[in-house]
Each structure stands twice: as structure tokens, then as C-alpha cells.
């Protein structure tokens, strides 16, 4: 294999690697956005849960059923 063909092969591989790295980076960025959105949703759910528990009392303070 000549030096020129080896250089062409290396340049081709580098171009494919650059494309792959960019594609992987795009996926990582999108996953970061999804994680951020899920964290915000989780915080909102926790807040709603705590508000509901505050309104209705905790499970340990539940009154006995009326038939007792």
C-alpha cells in the first residue's frame, strides 16, 4: 500500500470519526435536556405530593373507619 493511499485511508477514517463524534455529542446534549426537564417535573410532583399530604394529613394520623 502506497503512502498516498494510506493517507487517504486515514483521512477517510478521520472524517467518519468526526461525524460519529458529532452524532454522539448531539445525543448527549439531547439527553441532558431530557434529564433537566424530568428533574423539573419530578420536583413539581414532589411539591404537589407534599401539598396533598399537608392538606390531608399523613398516613399515620388517619382516623379509623366509621364502622369502629
C-alpha atoms as a PDB file:
ATOM      1  CA  UNK A   1       0.000   0.000   0.000  1.00  0.00           C
ATOM      2  CA  UNK A   2       1.454   3.326  -1.013  1.00  0.00           C
ATOM      3  CA  UNK A   3       1.901   6.253   1.306  1.00  0.00           C
ATOM      4  CA  UNK A   4      -0.700   8.224  -0.602  1.00  0.00           C
ATOM      5  CA  UNK A   5      -3.352   5.500  -0.245  1.00  0.00           C
ATOM      6  CA  UNK A   6      -2.543   5.194   3.458  1.00  0.00           C
ATOM      7  CA  UNK A   7      -3.065   8.947   3.882  1.00  0.00           C
ATOM      8  CA  UNK A   8      -6.378   8.795   2.021  1.00  0.00           C
ATOM      9  CA  UNK A   9      -7.464   5.884   4.216  1.00  0.00           C
ATOM     10  CA  UNK A  10      -6.537   7.773   7.390  1.00  0.00           C
ATOM     11  CA  UNK A  11      -8.315  10.933   6.212  1.00  0.00           C
ATOM     12  CA  UNK A  12     -11.438   8.907   5.393  1.00  0.00           C
ATOM     13  CA  UNK A  13     -11.411   7.275   8.808  1.00  0.00           C
ATOM     14  CA  UNK A  14     -10.930  10.647  10.489  1.00  0.00           C
ATOM     15  CA  UNK A  15     -13.901  12.102   8.611  1.00  0.00           C
ATOM     16  CA  UNK A  16     -16.125   9.196   9.697  1.00  0.00           C
ATOM     17  CA  UNK A  17     -14.901   9.517  13.274  1.00  0.00           C
ATOM     18  CA  UNK A  18     -15.673  13.236  13.268  1.00  0.00           C
ATOM     19  CA  UNK A  19     -19.210  12.507  12.056  1.00  0.00           C
ATOM     20  CA  UNK A  20     -19.668   9.821  14.715  1.00  0.00           C
ATOM     21  CA  UNK A  21     -18.381  12.094  17.488  1.00  0.00           C
ATOM     22  CA  UNK A  22     -20.745  14.874  16.388  1.00  0.00           C
ATOM     23  CA  UNK A  23     -23.701  12.465  16.303  1.00  0.00           C
ATOM     24  CA  UNK A  24     -22.838  11.168  19.781  1.00  0.00           C
ATOM     25  CA  UNK A  25     -22.481  14.718  21.077  1.00  0.00           C
ATOM     26  CA  UNK A  26     -25.914  15.600  19.701  1.00  0.00           C
ATOM     27  CA  UNK A  27     -27.404  12.624  21.551  1.00  0.00           C
ATOM     28  CA  UNK A  28     -25.674  13.588  24.800  1.00  0.00           C
ATOM     29  CA  UNK A  29     -26.926  17.178  24.536  1.00  0.00           C
ATOM     30  CA  UNK A  30     -30.498  15.997  23.903  1.00  0.00           C
ATOM     31  CA  UNK A  31     -30.317  13.562  26.823  1.00  0.00           C
ATOM     32  CA  UNK A  32     -29.119  16.408  29.042  1.00  0.00           C
ATOM     33  CA  UNK A  33     -32.178  18.430  28.046  1.00  0.00           C
ATOM     34  CA  UNK A  34     -34.456  15.478  28.760  1.00  0.00           C
ATOM     35  CA  UNK A  35     -32.842  14.944  32.167  1.00  0.00           C
ATOM     36  CA  UNK A  36     -33.265  18.622  33.036  1.00  0.00           C
ATOM     37  CA  UNK A  37     -36.946  18.505  32.041  1.00  0.00           C
ATOM     38  CA  UNK A  38     -37.509  15.303  34.036  1.00  0.00           C
ATOM     39  CA  UNK A  39     -35.847  16.822  37.099  1.00  0.00           C
ATOM     40  CA  UNK A  40     -38.170  19.821  36.911  1.00  0.00           C
ATOM     41  CA  UNK A  41     -41.194  17.542  36.541  1.00  0.00           C
ATOM     42  CA  UNK A  42     -40.051  15.413  39.466  1.00  0.00           C
ATOM     43  CA  UNK A  43     -39.594  18.482  41.665  1.00  0.00           C
ATOM     44  CA  UNK A  44     -43.115  19.631  40.751  1.00  0.00           C
ATOM     45  CA  UNK A  45     -44.554  16.197  41.572  1.00  0.00           C
ATOM     46  CA  UNK A  46     -42.770  16.146  44.930  1.00  0.00           C
ATOM     47  CA  UNK A  47     -44.142  19.612  45.705  1.00  0.00           C
ATOM     48  CA  UNK A  48     -47.673  18.538  44.782  1.00  0.00           C
ATOM     49  CA  UNK A  49     -47.335  15.388  46.885  1.00  0.00           C
ATOM     50  CA  UNK A  50     -46.129  17.367  49.897  1.00  0.00           C
ATOM     51  CA  UNK A  51     -49.010  19.823  49.449  1.00  0.00           C
ATOM     52  CA  UNK A  52     -51.507  16.952  49.336  1.00  0.00           C
ATOM     53  CA  UNK A  53     -50.032  15.317  52.423  1.00  0.00           C
ATOM     54  CA  UNK A  54     -50.213  18.656  54.194  1.00  0.00           C
ATOM     55  CA  UNK A  55     -53.878  19.037  53.285  1.00  0.00           C
ATOM     56  CA  UNK A  56     -54.994  15.540  54.197  1.00  0.00           C
ATOM     57  CA  UNK A  57     -52.566  14.708  56.972  1.00  0.00           C
ATOM     58  CA  UNK A  58     -50.056  11.902  56.964  1.00  0.00           C
ATOM     59  CA  UNK A  59     -50.970   8.235  56.776  1.00  0.00           C
ATOM     60  CA  UNK A  60     -50.139   7.707  60.462  1.00  0.00           C
ATOM     61  CA  UNK A  61     -52.810  10.210  61.565  1.00  0.00           C
ATOM     62  CA  UNK A  62     -55.610   8.546  59.648  1.00  0.00           C
ATOM     63  CA  UNK A  63     -58.890   8.295  61.525  1.00  0.00           C
ATOM     64  CA  UNK A  64     -60.386   4.836  62.000  1.00  0.00           C
ATOM     65  CA  UNK A  65     -63.156   3.857  59.579  1.00  0.00           C
ATOM     66  CA  UNK A  66     -66.702   4.839  60.644  1.00  0.00           C
ATOM     67  CA  UNK A  67     -67.783   1.265  61.469  1.00  0.00           C
ATOM     68  CA  UNK A  68     -65.465   1.088  64.520  1.00  0.00           C
END
